[in-house]
């Protein structure tokens, strides 16, 4: 039984991201006010001092666009307000997360070195470090599927074999409905500037599902271990409530999904709440495919 079962009363409130495209980070900025666009029946403005209302939830997803410094500033403020029992990072493997000590959390340079962040492919560590600082006192967990692991799973022994015996529990043994598979392949093509061979698309969708399942398993285990909320630091795509990580969690968990976007969401955006911030400064991401 979950330690928090029967204690949580809230449900709505957090968001996911697209397939992990890592872009170099820009300058770090603190955004003091969050403008949140929620579902039509729950629209409201949320500021960092109000986000603690989700403290009684079991799981809170704090979504992001990886290279947007406003999103990471908001995540750090939210973690401070929520005082979670555990924080699960998409950006860390379990082995890297296990290296983190209270002493390391106070030393930005040494923590980045220990995590080998410069070679990780994630944006500037200066944007993420305040989130780690705010996580002090919580269990810090990693649920990253590396590119090498993803490649081996798709081209080698298969995702279900690599994930383990509970692959069916997290949906990896089932084929997606045809319409969803087609839509997700189209999203992968669009996210990669229509530059991918079509033969790659099914495998990329499978890798996304593998990453969702890996996050979901880590979150589920954390929810059994801690009494406070489990906060998930991840991209907006993984935080989707329709087919992302929230959809794979035990039904008894009270889950809030908050996405962070750079413009108001289109109708049907599959998250509980939306935070709209200024955009990051970035070059055209499609240049890399030209």
C-alpha atoms as a PDB file:
ATOM      1  CA  UNK A   1       0.000   0.000   0.000  1.00  0.00           C
ATOM      2  CA  UNK A   2       1.214   3.515  -0.742  1.00  0.00           C
ATOM      3  CA  UNK A   3       2.327   5.384   2.356  1.00  0.00           C
ATOM      4  CA  UNK A   4       0.282   8.381   1.273  1.00  0.00           C
ATOM      5  CA  UNK A   5      -2.825   6.418   0.272  1.00  0.00           C
ATOM      6  CA  UNK A   6      -5.938   7.868   1.826  1.00  0.00           C
ATOM      7  CA  UNK A   7      -4.186  11.098   2.842  1.00  0.00           C
ATOM      8  CA  UNK A   8      -4.255  13.027  -0.408  1.00  0.00           C
ATOM      9  CA  UNK A   9      -7.407  14.806  -1.551  1.00  0.00           C
ATOM     10  CA  UNK A  10      -6.237  16.914  -4.508  1.00  0.00           C
ATOM     11  CA  UNK A  11      -5.870  15.869  -8.078  1.00  0.00           C
ATOM     12  CA  UNK A  12      -5.271  18.374 -10.865  1.00  0.00           C
ATOM     13  CA  UNK A  13      -2.154  20.391 -11.538  1.00  0.00           C
ATOM     14  CA  UNK A  14       1.048  19.525 -13.643  1.00  0.00           C
ATOM     15  CA  UNK A  15       2.509  19.159 -17.191  1.00  0.00           C
ATOM     16  CA  UNK A  16       4.781  17.171 -19.661  1.00  0.00           C
ATOM     17  CA  UNK A  17       7.069  17.748 -22.745  1.00  0.00           C
ATOM     18  CA  UNK A  18       8.078  16.638 -26.254  1.00  0.00           C
ATOM     19  CA  UNK A  19      10.603  13.970 -27.253  1.00  0.00           C
ATOM     20  CA  UNK A  20      13.914  14.901 -25.621  1.00  0.00           C
ATOM     21  CA  UNK A  21      15.663  17.337 -27.951  1.00  0.00           C
ATOM     22  CA  UNK A  22      18.504  18.913 -25.938  1.00  0.00           C
ATOM     23  CA  UNK A  23      19.363  22.493 -26.873  1.00  0.00           C
ATOM     24  CA  UNK A  24      22.131  24.606 -25.385  1.00  0.00           C
ATOM     25  CA  UNK A  25      20.924  26.753 -22.481  1.00  0.00           C
ATOM     26  CA  UNK A  26      20.865  30.562 -22.472  1.00  0.00           C
ATOM     27  CA  UNK A  27      21.190  33.006 -19.575  1.00  0.00           C
ATOM     28  CA  UNK A  28      19.620  32.143 -16.222  1.00  0.00           C
ATOM     29  CA  UNK A  29      16.744  34.427 -15.143  1.00  0.00           C
ATOM     30  CA  UNK A  30      14.418  34.362 -12.168  1.00  0.00           C
ATOM     31  CA  UNK A  31      10.771  34.706 -13.074  1.00  0.00           C
ATOM     32  CA  UNK A  32       8.819  35.886 -10.053  1.00  0.00           C
ATOM     33  CA  UNK A  33       5.321  35.657 -11.505  1.00  0.00           C
ATOM     34  CA  UNK A  34       3.765  32.678 -13.268  1.00  0.00           C
ATOM     35  CA  UNK A  35       0.882  33.192 -15.649  1.00  0.00           C
ATOM     36  CA  UNK A  36      -1.072  29.941 -15.727  1.00  0.00           C
ATOM     37  CA  UNK A  37      -3.589  28.939 -18.340  1.00  0.00           C
ATOM     38  CA  UNK A  38      -5.606  25.991 -17.021  1.00  0.00           C
ATOM     39  CA  UNK A  39      -8.470  23.938 -18.339  1.00  0.00           C
ATOM     40  CA  UNK A  40     -11.552  26.058 -19.010  1.00  0.00           C
ATOM     41  CA  UNK A  41     -13.147  25.197 -15.644  1.00  0.00           C
ATOM     42  CA  UNK A  42      -9.974  25.788 -13.603  1.00  0.00           C
ATOM     43  CA  UNK A  43      -8.290  28.849 -15.133  1.00  0.00           C
ATOM     44  CA  UNK A  44      -6.315  30.847 -12.576  1.00  0.00           C
ATOM     45  CA  UNK A  45      -3.113  32.736 -11.961  1.00  0.00           C
ATOM     46  CA  UNK A  46      -0.540  30.951  -9.816  1.00  0.00           C
ATOM     47  CA  UNK A  47       2.537  32.584  -8.312  1.00  0.00           C
ATOM     48  CA  UNK A  48       5.422  30.760  -6.606  1.00  0.00           C
ATOM     49  CA  UNK A  49       4.040  31.438  -3.112  1.00  0.00           C
ATOM     50  CA  UNK A  50       0.692  29.864  -4.115  1.00  0.00           C
ATOM     51  CA  UNK A  51       2.061  26.686  -5.629  1.00  0.00           C
ATOM     52  CA  UNK A  52       2.310  25.113  -2.189  1.00  0.00           C
ATOM     53  CA  UNK A  53      -1.426  24.377  -2.554  1.00  0.00           C
ATOM     54  CA  UNK A  54      -0.323  21.188  -4.298  1.00  0.00           C
ATOM     55  CA  UNK A  55       1.651  19.998  -1.276  1.00  0.00           C
ATOM     56  CA  UNK A  56      -1.044  17.442  -0.425  1.00  0.00           C
ATOM     57  CA  UNK A  57      -0.840  15.828  -3.861  1.00  0.00           C
ATOM     58  CA  UNK A  58       1.069  12.569  -4.223  1.00  0.00           C
ATOM     59  CA  UNK A  59       2.902  13.536  -7.414  1.00  0.00           C
ATOM     60  CA  UNK A  60       3.525  16.929  -9.004  1.00  0.00           C
ATOM     61  CA  UNK A  61       4.983  17.117 -12.514  1.00  0.00           C
ATOM     62  CA  UNK A  62       6.873  20.342 -13.200  1.00  0.00           C
ATOM     63  CA  UNK A  63       7.260  20.392 -16.960  1.00  0.00           C
ATOM     64  CA  UNK A  64       9.729  22.409 -18.980  1.00  0.00           C
ATOM     65  CA  UNK A  65      11.165  23.335 -22.318  1.00  0.00           C
ATOM     66  CA  UNK A  66      14.693  22.237 -21.599  1.00  0.00           C
ATOM     67  CA  UNK A  67      16.503  25.379 -22.762  1.00  0.00           C
ATOM     68  CA  UNK A  68      14.184  27.960 -21.195  1.00  0.00           C
ATOM     69  CA  UNK A  69      15.741  29.551 -18.062  1.00  0.00           C
ATOM     70  CA  UNK A  70      12.366  30.889 -16.873  1.00  0.00           C
ATOM     71  CA  UNK A  71      11.073  27.335 -16.609  1.00  0.00           C
ATOM     72  CA  UNK A  72      13.950  26.214 -14.419  1.00  0.00           C
ATOM     73  CA  UNK A  73      13.605  29.262 -12.167  1.00  0.00           C
ATOM     74  CA  UNK A  74       9.927  28.420 -11.728  1.00  0.00           C
ATOM     75  CA  UNK A  75      10.751  24.794 -10.965  1.00  0.00           C
ATOM     76  CA  UNK A  76      13.244  25.817  -8.276  1.00  0.00           C
ATOM     77  CA  UNK A  77      10.670  28.120  -6.643  1.00  0.00           C
ATOM     78  CA  UNK A  78       8.047  25.378  -6.805  1.00  0.00           C
ATOM     79  CA  UNK A  79      10.307  22.748  -5.229  1.00  0.00           C
ATOM     80  CA  UNK A  80      11.084  25.161  -2.389  1.00  0.00           C
ATOM     81  CA  UNK A  81       7.372  25.741  -1.825  1.00  0.00           C
ATOM     82  CA  UNK A  82       6.314  22.090  -2.057  1.00  0.00           C
ATOM     83  CA  UNK A  83       9.030  20.682   0.235  1.00  0.00           C
ATOM     84  CA  UNK A  84       8.829  17.284  -1.511  1.00  0.00           C
ATOM     85  CA  UNK A  85       9.797  13.957  -0.028  1.00  0.00           C
ATOM     86  CA  UNK A  86      11.447  13.006  -3.324  1.00  0.00           C
ATOM     87  CA  UNK A  87      12.486  14.711  -6.540  1.00  0.00           C
ATOM     88  CA  UNK A  88      12.804  12.616  -9.706  1.00  0.00           C
ATOM     89  CA  UNK A  89      14.962  14.100 -12.473  1.00  0.00           C
ATOM     90  CA  UNK A  90      14.593  13.044 -16.108  1.00  0.00           C
ATOM     91  CA  UNK A  91      18.140  14.389 -16.588  1.00  0.00           C
ATOM     92  CA  UNK A  92      19.894  11.928 -14.263  1.00  0.00           C
ATOM     93  CA  UNK A  93      20.553   8.226 -14.507  1.00  0.00           C
ATOM     94  CA  UNK A  94      19.991   6.312 -11.257  1.00  0.00           C
ATOM     95  CA  UNK A  95      23.760   5.920 -10.878  1.00  0.00           C
ATOM     96  CA  UNK A  96      24.366   9.667 -11.210  1.00  0.00           C
ATOM     97  CA  UNK A  97      21.600  10.485  -8.756  1.00  0.00           C
ATOM     98  CA  UNK A  98      23.153   8.101  -6.234  1.00  0.00           C
ATOM     99  CA  UNK A  99      26.335  10.217  -6.226  1.00  0.00           C
ATOM    100  CA  UNK A 100      24.570  13.299  -4.844  1.00  0.00           C
ATOM    101  CA  UNK A 101      25.256  14.119  -1.206  1.00  0.00           C
ATOM    102  CA  UNK A 102      24.219  17.099   0.949  1.00  0.00           C
ATOM    103  CA  UNK A 103      27.793  18.388   0.675  1.00  0.00           C
ATOM    104  CA  UNK A 104      27.664  18.267  -3.129  1.00  0.00           C
ATOM    105  CA  UNK A 105      24.409  20.212  -3.205  1.00  0.00           C
ATOM    106  CA  UNK A 106      26.235  23.187  -1.707  1.00  0.00           C
ATOM    107  CA  UNK A 107      28.984  23.189  -4.363  1.00  0.00           C
ATOM    108  CA  UNK A 108      27.735  23.979  -7.877  1.00  0.00           C
ATOM    109  CA  UNK A 109      31.015  23.313  -9.665  1.00  0.00           C
ATOM    110  CA  UNK A 110      31.772  20.035  -7.930  1.00  0.00           C
ATOM    111  CA  UNK A 111      28.204  18.796  -8.369  1.00  0.00           C
ATOM    112  CA  UNK A 112      28.332  19.515 -12.103  1.00  0.00           C
ATOM    113  CA  UNK A 113      31.677  17.707 -12.319  1.00  0.00           C
ATOM    114  CA  UNK A 114      30.422  14.663 -10.399  1.00  0.00           C
ATOM    115  CA  UNK A 115      27.376  14.444 -12.649  1.00  0.00           C
ATOM    116  CA  UNK A 116      29.553  14.906 -15.756  1.00  0.00           C
ATOM    117  CA  UNK A 117      26.990  17.479 -16.819  1.00  0.00           C
ATOM    118  CA  UNK A 118      29.178  19.088 -19.474  1.00  0.00           C
ATOM    119  CA  UNK A 119      29.088  15.829 -21.453  1.00  0.00           C
ATOM    120  CA  UNK A 120      25.440  15.019 -20.757  1.00  0.00           C
ATOM    121  CA  UNK A 121      23.830  16.898 -23.638  1.00  0.00           C
ATOM    122  CA  UNK A 122      21.556  18.871 -21.298  1.00  0.00           C
ATOM    123  CA  UNK A 123      21.548  22.703 -21.260  1.00  0.00           C
ATOM    124  CA  UNK A 124      23.740  24.856 -19.018  1.00  0.00           C
ATOM    125  CA  UNK A 125      23.973  23.473 -15.480  1.00  0.00           C
ATOM    126  CA  UNK A 126      23.577  26.999 -14.073  1.00  0.00           C
ATOM    127  CA  UNK A 127      19.893  26.792 -15.024  1.00  0.00           C
ATOM    128  CA  UNK A 128      19.355  23.472 -13.242  1.00  0.00           C
ATOM    129  CA  UNK A 129      21.504  24.030 -10.160  1.00  0.00           C
ATOM    130  CA  UNK A 130      18.873  26.063  -8.216  1.00  0.00           C
ATOM    131  CA  UNK A 131      16.499  23.096  -8.579  1.00  0.00           C
ATOM    132  CA  UNK A 132      19.096  20.815  -7.002  1.00  0.00           C
ATOM    133  CA  UNK A 133      19.649  23.336  -4.225  1.00  0.00           C
ATOM    134  CA  UNK A 134      15.908  23.487  -3.553  1.00  0.00           C
ATOM    135  CA  UNK A 135      15.818  19.677  -3.419  1.00  0.00           C
ATOM    136  CA  UNK A 136      18.027  19.520  -0.320  1.00  0.00           C
ATOM    137  CA  UNK A 137      16.471  17.226   2.267  1.00  0.00           C
ATOM    138  CA  UNK A 138      14.503  15.257  -0.332  1.00  0.00           C
ATOM    139  CA  UNK A 139      15.347  11.888  -1.827  1.00  0.00           C
ATOM    140  CA  UNK A 140      16.891  12.664  -5.239  1.00  0.00           C
ATOM    141  CA  UNK A 141      16.297  10.043  -7.914  1.00  0.00           C
ATOM    142  CA  UNK A 142      17.219   9.697 -11.574  1.00  0.00           C
ATOM    143  CA  UNK A 143      15.166   8.068 -14.314  1.00  0.00           C
ATOM    144  CA  UNK A 144      17.067   8.911 -17.478  1.00  0.00           C
ATOM    145  CA  UNK A 145      17.242   6.536 -20.402  1.00  0.00           C
ATOM    146  CA  UNK A 146      20.499   7.448 -22.113  1.00  0.00           C
ATOM    147  CA  UNK A 147      20.776   7.666 -25.870  1.00  0.00           C
ATOM    148  CA  UNK A 148      23.043   4.622 -25.824  1.00  0.00           C
ATOM    149  CA  UNK A 149      20.525   2.617 -23.807  1.00  0.00           C
ATOM    150  CA  UNK A 150      17.668   3.728 -26.057  1.00  0.00           C
ATOM    151  CA  UNK A 151      19.605   2.762 -29.162  1.00  0.00           C
ATOM    152  CA  UNK A 152      20.482  -0.632 -27.715  1.00  0.00           C
ATOM    153  CA  UNK A 153      16.869  -1.261 -26.739  1.00  0.00           C
ATOM    154  CA  UNK A 154      15.468  -0.464 -30.172  1.00  0.00           C
ATOM    155  CA  UNK A 155      18.232  -2.028 -32.261  1.00  0.00           C
ATOM    156  CA  UNK A 156      19.292  -4.785 -29.884  1.00  0.00           C
ATOM    157  CA  UNK A 157      17.414  -6.940 -27.392  1.00  0.00           C
ATOM    158  CA  UNK A 158      14.190  -4.915 -27.413  1.00  0.00           C
ATOM    159  CA  UNK A 159      12.582  -2.408 -25.090  1.00  0.00           C
ATOM    160  CA  UNK A 160      10.547  -4.894 -23.051  1.00  0.00           C
ATOM    161  CA  UNK A 161      13.549  -7.143 -22.394  1.00  0.00           C
ATOM    162  CA  UNK A 162      15.708  -4.202 -21.424  1.00  0.00           C
ATOM    163  CA  UNK A 163      13.067  -2.646 -19.170  1.00  0.00           C
ATOM    164  CA  UNK A 164      12.480  -5.824 -17.193  1.00  0.00           C
ATOM    165  CA  UNK A 165       9.741  -8.151 -16.030  1.00  0.00           C
ATOM    166  CA  UNK A 166       7.278  -5.388 -15.131  1.00  0.00           C
ATOM    167  CA  UNK A 167       7.207  -4.030 -18.696  1.00  0.00           C
ATOM    168  CA  UNK A 168       3.560  -4.995 -19.009  1.00  0.00           C
ATOM    169  CA  UNK A 169       2.675  -2.962 -15.912  1.00  0.00           C
ATOM    170  CA  UNK A 170       3.889   0.168 -17.678  1.00  0.00           C
ATOM    171  CA  UNK A 171       2.281  -0.499 -21.041  1.00  0.00           C
ATOM    172  CA  UNK A 172       5.377  -1.526 -22.977  1.00  0.00           C
ATOM    173  CA  UNK A 173       4.035  -4.901 -24.128  1.00  0.00           C
ATOM    174  CA  UNK A 174       0.937  -3.428 -25.786  1.00  0.00           C
ATOM    175  CA  UNK A 175       0.732  -1.932 -29.255  1.00  0.00           C
ATOM    176  CA  UNK A 176      -0.641   1.597 -29.356  1.00  0.00           C
ATOM    177  CA  UNK A 177      -4.001   2.264 -31.003  1.00  0.00           C
ATOM    178  CA  UNK A 178      -3.363   2.927 -34.681  1.00  0.00           C
ATOM    179  CA  UNK A 179      -4.539   6.545 -34.538  1.00  0.00           C
ATOM    180  CA  UNK A 180      -2.297   7.342 -31.579  1.00  0.00           C
ATOM    181  CA  UNK A 181       0.699   5.638 -33.180  1.00  0.00           C
ATOM    182  CA  UNK A 182       0.215   7.661 -36.365  1.00  0.00           C
ATOM    183  CA  UNK A 183      -0.203  10.907 -34.449  1.00  0.00           C
ATOM    184  CA  UNK A 184       2.874  10.323 -32.352  1.00  0.00           C
ATOM    185  CA  UNK A 185       4.966   9.459 -35.399  1.00  0.00           C
ATOM    186  CA  UNK A 186       3.794  12.686 -37.034  1.00  0.00           C
ATOM    187  CA  UNK A 187       4.774  14.613 -33.886  1.00  0.00           C
ATOM    188  CA  UNK A 188       8.225  13.059 -33.976  1.00  0.00           C
ATOM    189  CA  UNK A 189       8.642  14.067 -37.605  1.00  0.00           C
ATOM    190  CA  UNK A 190       7.530  17.623 -36.887  1.00  0.00           C
ATOM    191  CA  UNK A 191       9.747  17.919 -33.786  1.00  0.00           C
ATOM    192  CA  UNK A 192      12.701  16.959 -35.963  1.00  0.00           C
ATOM    193  CA  UNK A 193      11.911  19.487 -38.697  1.00  0.00           C
ATOM    194  CA  UNK A 194      10.500  16.903 -41.131  1.00  0.00           C
ATOM    195  CA  UNK A 195      14.052  15.682 -41.677  1.00  0.00           C
ATOM    196  CA  UNK A 196      13.819  12.081 -40.428  1.00  0.00           C
ATOM    197  CA  UNK A 197      13.489   8.956 -42.576  1.00  0.00           C
ATOM    198  CA  UNK A 198      10.032   7.534 -42.018  1.00  0.00           C
ATOM    199  CA  UNK A 199      11.599   4.203 -41.106  1.00  0.00           C
ATOM    200  CA  UNK A 200      12.918   5.766 -37.870  1.00  0.00           C
ATOM    201  CA  UNK A 201       9.613   7.049 -36.571  1.00  0.00           C
ATOM    202  CA  UNK A 202       8.184   3.889 -35.021  1.00  0.00           C
ATOM    203  CA  UNK A 203      11.419   3.311 -33.136  1.00  0.00           C
ATOM    204  CA  UNK A 204      11.466   6.877 -31.831  1.00  0.00           C
ATOM    205  CA  UNK A 205       7.914   6.540 -30.529  1.00  0.00           C
ATOM    206  CA  UNK A 206       8.952   3.320 -28.802  1.00  0.00           C
ATOM    207  CA  UNK A 207      11.903   5.091 -27.176  1.00  0.00           C
ATOM    208  CA  UNK A 208       9.567   7.816 -25.925  1.00  0.00           C
ATOM    209  CA  UNK A 209       7.358   5.151 -24.381  1.00  0.00           C
ATOM    210  CA  UNK A 210      10.438   3.521 -22.833  1.00  0.00           C
ATOM    211  CA  UNK A 211      11.392   6.851 -21.246  1.00  0.00           C
ATOM    212  CA  UNK A 212       7.837   7.421 -20.016  1.00  0.00           C
ATOM    213  CA  UNK A 213       7.762   3.964 -18.449  1.00  0.00           C
ATOM    214  CA  UNK A 214      11.168   4.414 -16.811  1.00  0.00           C
ATOM    215  CA  UNK A 215      10.031   7.690 -15.242  1.00  0.00           C
ATOM    216  CA  UNK A 216       6.737   6.154 -14.156  1.00  0.00           C
ATOM    217  CA  UNK A 217       8.477   3.254 -12.431  1.00  0.00           C
ATOM    218  CA  UNK A 218      10.819   5.594 -10.547  1.00  0.00           C
ATOM    219  CA  UNK A 219       7.914   7.827  -9.486  1.00  0.00           C
ATOM    220  CA  UNK A 220       5.843   4.847  -8.331  1.00  0.00           C
ATOM    221  CA  UNK A 221       8.705   3.481  -6.243  1.00  0.00           C
ATOM    222  CA  UNK A 222       9.358   6.908  -4.736  1.00  0.00           C
ATOM    223  CA  UNK A 223       5.684   7.282  -3.801  1.00  0.00           C
ATOM    224  CA  UNK A 224       5.988   4.085  -1.764  1.00  0.00           C
ATOM    225  CA  UNK A 225       9.030   5.384   0.082  1.00  0.00           C
ATOM    226  CA  UNK A 226       8.165   8.952   1.090  1.00  0.00           C
ATOM    227  CA  UNK A 227       5.281  10.716   2.772  1.00  0.00           C
ATOM    228  CA  UNK A 228       5.681  14.093   1.091  1.00  0.00           C
ATOM    229  CA  UNK A 229       4.867  14.746  -2.561  1.00  0.00           C
ATOM    230  CA  UNK A 230       7.056  13.359  -5.314  1.00  0.00           C
ATOM    231  CA  UNK A 231       8.107  16.161  -7.677  1.00  0.00           C
ATOM    232  CA  UNK A 232       9.076  15.228 -11.227  1.00  0.00           C
ATOM    233  CA  UNK A 233      11.422  17.486 -13.219  1.00  0.00           C
ATOM    234  CA  UNK A 234      10.866  16.599 -16.852  1.00  0.00           C
ATOM    235  CA  UNK A 235       9.982  17.826 -20.284  1.00  0.00           C
ATOM    236  CA  UNK A 236       6.406  18.782 -21.092  1.00  0.00           C
ATOM    237  CA  UNK A 237       5.939  15.771 -23.358  1.00  0.00           C
ATOM    238  CA  UNK A 238       6.579  13.270 -20.600  1.00  0.00           C
ATOM    239  CA  UNK A 239       4.083  15.118 -18.396  1.00  0.00           C
ATOM    240  CA  UNK A 240       1.173  14.641 -20.791  1.00  0.00           C
ATOM    241  CA  UNK A 241      -1.887  13.336 -18.999  1.00  0.00           C
ATOM    242  CA  UNK A 242      -3.238  11.439 -22.017  1.00  0.00           C
ATOM    243  CA  UNK A 243      -0.335   9.137 -22.864  1.00  0.00           C
ATOM    244  CA  UNK A 244       2.643  10.425 -20.860  1.00  0.00           C
ATOM    245  CA  UNK A 245       3.970   9.401 -17.459  1.00  0.00           C
ATOM    246  CA  UNK A 246       0.822  10.412 -15.482  1.00  0.00           C
ATOM    247  CA  UNK A 247      -1.226   7.888 -17.471  1.00  0.00           C
ATOM    248  CA  UNK A 248       1.085   5.066 -16.338  1.00  0.00           C
ATOM    249  CA  UNK A 249       0.935   5.746 -12.594  1.00  0.00           C
ATOM    250  CA  UNK A 250      -1.246   3.818 -10.117  1.00  0.00           C
ATOM    251  CA  UNK A 251      -4.784   5.167 -10.121  1.00  0.00           C
ATOM    252  CA  UNK A 252      -4.795   5.699  -6.357  1.00  0.00           C
ATOM    253  CA  UNK A 253      -2.148   8.418  -6.638  1.00  0.00           C
ATOM    254  CA  UNK A 254      -3.304  12.037  -6.744  1.00  0.00           C
ATOM    255  CA  UNK A 255      -1.335  13.543  -9.605  1.00  0.00           C
ATOM    256  CA  UNK A 256      -0.932  17.147 -10.796  1.00  0.00           C
ATOM    257  CA  UNK A 257       0.645  17.913 -14.156  1.00  0.00           C
ATOM    258  CA  UNK A 258       1.921  21.445 -14.896  1.00  0.00           C
ATOM    259  CA  UNK A 259       3.315  22.288 -18.318  1.00  0.00           C
ATOM    260  CA  UNK A 260       5.434  25.340 -19.041  1.00  0.00           C
ATOM    261  CA  UNK A 261       4.930  26.865 -22.457  1.00  0.00           C
ATOM    262  CA  UNK A 262       6.053  29.955 -24.351  1.00  0.00           C
ATOM    263  CA  UNK A 263       2.610  30.798 -25.703  1.00  0.00           C
ATOM    264  CA  UNK A 264      -0.950  30.007 -24.618  1.00  0.00           C
ATOM    265  CA  UNK A 265      -1.877  26.367 -25.241  1.00  0.00           C
ATOM    266  CA  UNK A 266      -4.062  25.217 -28.058  1.00  0.00           C
ATOM    267  CA  UNK A 267      -7.421  23.636 -27.144  1.00  0.00           C
ATOM    268  CA  UNK A 268      -7.039  20.121 -25.846  1.00  0.00           C
ATOM    269  CA  UNK A 269      -3.505  20.545 -24.506  1.00  0.00           C
ATOM    270  CA  UNK A 270      -3.169  17.425 -22.306  1.00  0.00           C
ATOM    271  CA  UNK A 271      -2.048  18.860 -18.983  1.00  0.00           C
ATOM    272  CA  UNK A 272      -3.786  19.957 -15.806  1.00  0.00           C
ATOM    273  CA  UNK A 273      -2.263  23.459 -15.669  1.00  0.00           C
ATOM    274  CA  UNK A 274      -0.205  25.578 -18.038  1.00  0.00           C
ATOM    275  CA  UNK A 275       2.411  28.135 -17.140  1.00  0.00           C
ATOM    276  CA  UNK A 276       3.162  30.580 -19.949  1.00  0.00           C
ATOM    277  CA  UNK A 277       6.513  32.371 -19.800  1.00  0.00           C
ATOM    278  CA  UNK A 278       8.695  34.526 -21.996  1.00  0.00           C
ATOM    279  CA  UNK A 279      10.448  32.479 -24.690  1.00  0.00           C
ATOM    280  CA  UNK A 280      14.068  31.442 -24.473  1.00  0.00           C
ATOM    281  CA  UNK A 281      16.618  33.047 -26.751  1.00  0.00           C
ATOM    282  CA  UNK A 282      17.563  30.393 -29.286  1.00  0.00           C
ATOM    283  CA  UNK A 283      18.631  29.928 -32.853  1.00  0.00           C
ATOM    284  CA  UNK A 284      16.381  28.175 -35.331  1.00  0.00           C
ATOM    285  CA  UNK A 285      16.573  24.524 -34.167  1.00  0.00           C
ATOM    286  CA  UNK A 286      16.009  23.340 -37.739  1.00  0.00           C
ATOM    287  CA  UNK A 287      19.373  24.732 -38.845  1.00  0.00           C
ATOM    288  CA  UNK A 288      20.980  21.528 -37.626  1.00  0.00           C
ATOM    289  CA  UNK A 289      18.986  19.556 -40.198  1.00  0.00           C
ATOM    290  CA  UNK A 290      19.782  21.807 -43.151  1.00  0.00           C
END
